Amino acid sequence: MITDFFVICSAGTQRQVKTVIESIEDQVRDRLGVRPVRREGEAGAGWWLLDYVDVVVHVFGTEERSYYDLERLWRDAPRLGWEDGSEAASAG
């Protein structure tokens, strides 16, 4: 098994991608006391990865998400919905 969950999201600009990454790291650290075991990506790369072992978070620029199309690669995996109004959806 690679991981239990993939979270795949995208943002329209590099600044937004950076903000998403920082927010995820801050929220997971503050709420769960956990830091990623691995963080990959670099400024301008358009694709960042945060590895929390059981959960791997992919944050893409819009074009990169379309190009790499991870949803197609993992199409056989079950998809979980995101509940509107949840803490995560309203965190900011």
Protein backbone atom coordinates (compact mmCIF):
# COMPACT_ATOMS: atom_id res chain seq x y z
CA MET A 1 0.00 0.00 0.00
CA ILE A 2 1.28 3.45 -0.89
CA THR A 3 -0.93 5.50 1.42
CA ASP A 4 -4.45 5.47 2.79
CA PHE A 5 -5.56 8.75 1.20
CA PHE A 6 -4.54 11.17 -1.53
CA VAL A 7 -5.75 14.74 -1.30
CA ILE A 8 -5.55 16.45 -4.69
CA CYS A 9 -6.17 20.16 -5.03
CA SER A 10 -5.14 23.06 -7.21
CA ALA A 11 -4.74 26.81 -7.12
CA GLY A 12 -4.67 29.40 -9.88
CA THR A 13 -1.36 31.13 -9.12
CA GLN A 14 1.98 30.20 -7.57
CA ARG A 15 1.25 32.55 -4.68
CA GLN A 16 -2.04 30.70 -4.04
CA VAL A 17 -0.28 27.32 -4.25
CA LYS A 18 2.23 28.51 -1.65
CA THR A 19 -0.59 29.77 0.58
CA VAL A 20 -2.44 26.43 0.32
CA ILE A 21 0.71 24.49 1.25
CA GLU A 22 1.46 26.76 4.21
CA SER A 23 -2.14 26.60 5.41
CA ILE A 24 -2.24 22.81 5.25
CA GLU A 25 1.03 22.51 7.17
CA ASP A 26 -0.10 25.04 9.79
CA GLN A 27 -3.53 23.45 10.30
CA VAL A 28 -2.26 19.87 10.52
CA ARG A 29 0.55 20.90 12.90
CA ASP A 30 -1.75 23.02 15.10
CA ARG A 31 -4.65 20.56 15.22
CA LEU A 32 -2.83 17.23 15.15
CA GLY A 33 0.74 18.04 16.15
CA VAL A 34 2.07 16.44 12.98
CA ARG A 35 4.58 17.65 10.41
CA PRO A 36 5.02 16.10 6.97
CA VAL A 37 7.70 13.40 6.82
CA ARG A 38 8.51 14.62 3.33
CA ARG A 39 7.86 17.85 1.47
CA GLU A 40 8.64 18.03 -2.24
CA GLY A 41 8.39 20.85 -4.72
CA GLU A 42 10.06 24.12 -5.40
CA ALA A 43 9.14 27.65 -6.36
CA GLY A 44 7.73 27.68 -9.86
CA ALA A 45 7.45 23.89 -10.09
CA GLY A 46 3.65 23.91 -10.11
CA TRP A 47 3.33 20.71 -8.07
CA TRP A 48 3.97 20.26 -4.37
CA LEU A 49 3.64 17.14 -2.28
CA LEU A 50 3.21 16.85 1.48
CA ASP A 51 3.67 13.31 2.76
CA TYR A 52 2.03 12.56 6.10
CA VAL A 53 2.44 8.78 5.54
CA ASP A 54 -1.27 7.89 5.85
CA VAL A 55 -2.26 10.95 3.83
CA VAL A 56 -0.38 12.40 0.85
CA VAL A 57 -1.40 15.88 -0.26
CA HIS A 58 -0.79 17.04 -3.83
CA VAL A 59 -1.15 20.75 -4.54
CA PHE A 60 -0.99 21.70 -8.20
CA GLY A 61 -1.10 24.81 -10.29
CA THR A 62 -4.16 24.66 -12.58
CA GLU A 63 -2.22 23.70 -15.72
CA GLU A 64 -0.08 21.13 -13.94
CA ARG A 65 -3.12 19.42 -12.44
CA SER A 66 -4.64 19.07 -15.87
CA TYR A 67 -1.35 17.83 -17.37
CA TYR A 68 -0.55 15.18 -14.74
CA ASP A 69 -4.21 14.19 -14.25
CA LEU A 70 -3.71 12.07 -11.12
CA GLU A 71 -7.45 11.46 -10.98
CA ARG A 72 -7.10 9.46 -14.22
CA LEU A 73 -4.10 7.51 -12.92
CA TRP A 74 -5.99 6.58 -9.73
CA ARG A 75 -9.44 6.25 -11.33
CA ASP A 76 -10.04 2.82 -9.76
CA ALA A 77 -9.60 4.17 -6.23
CA PRO A 78 -12.75 5.12 -4.33
CA ARG A 79 -13.41 8.87 -4.10
CA LEU A 80 -14.58 10.58 -0.97
CA GLY A 81 -16.62 13.75 -1.12
CA TRP A 82 -15.75 16.96 0.65
CA GLU A 83 -18.50 18.16 2.97
CA ASP A 84 -19.48 21.80 2.57
CA GLY A 85 -19.41 23.69 5.84
CA SER A 86 -16.80 21.43 7.37
CA GLU A 87 -14.00 22.92 9.46
CA ALA A 88 -11.50 22.24 6.71
CA ALA A 89 -13.62 23.91 4.06
CA SER A 90 -14.08 27.00 6.20
CA ALA A 91 -10.57 27.18 7.69
CA GLY A 92 -8.74 30.30 6.79
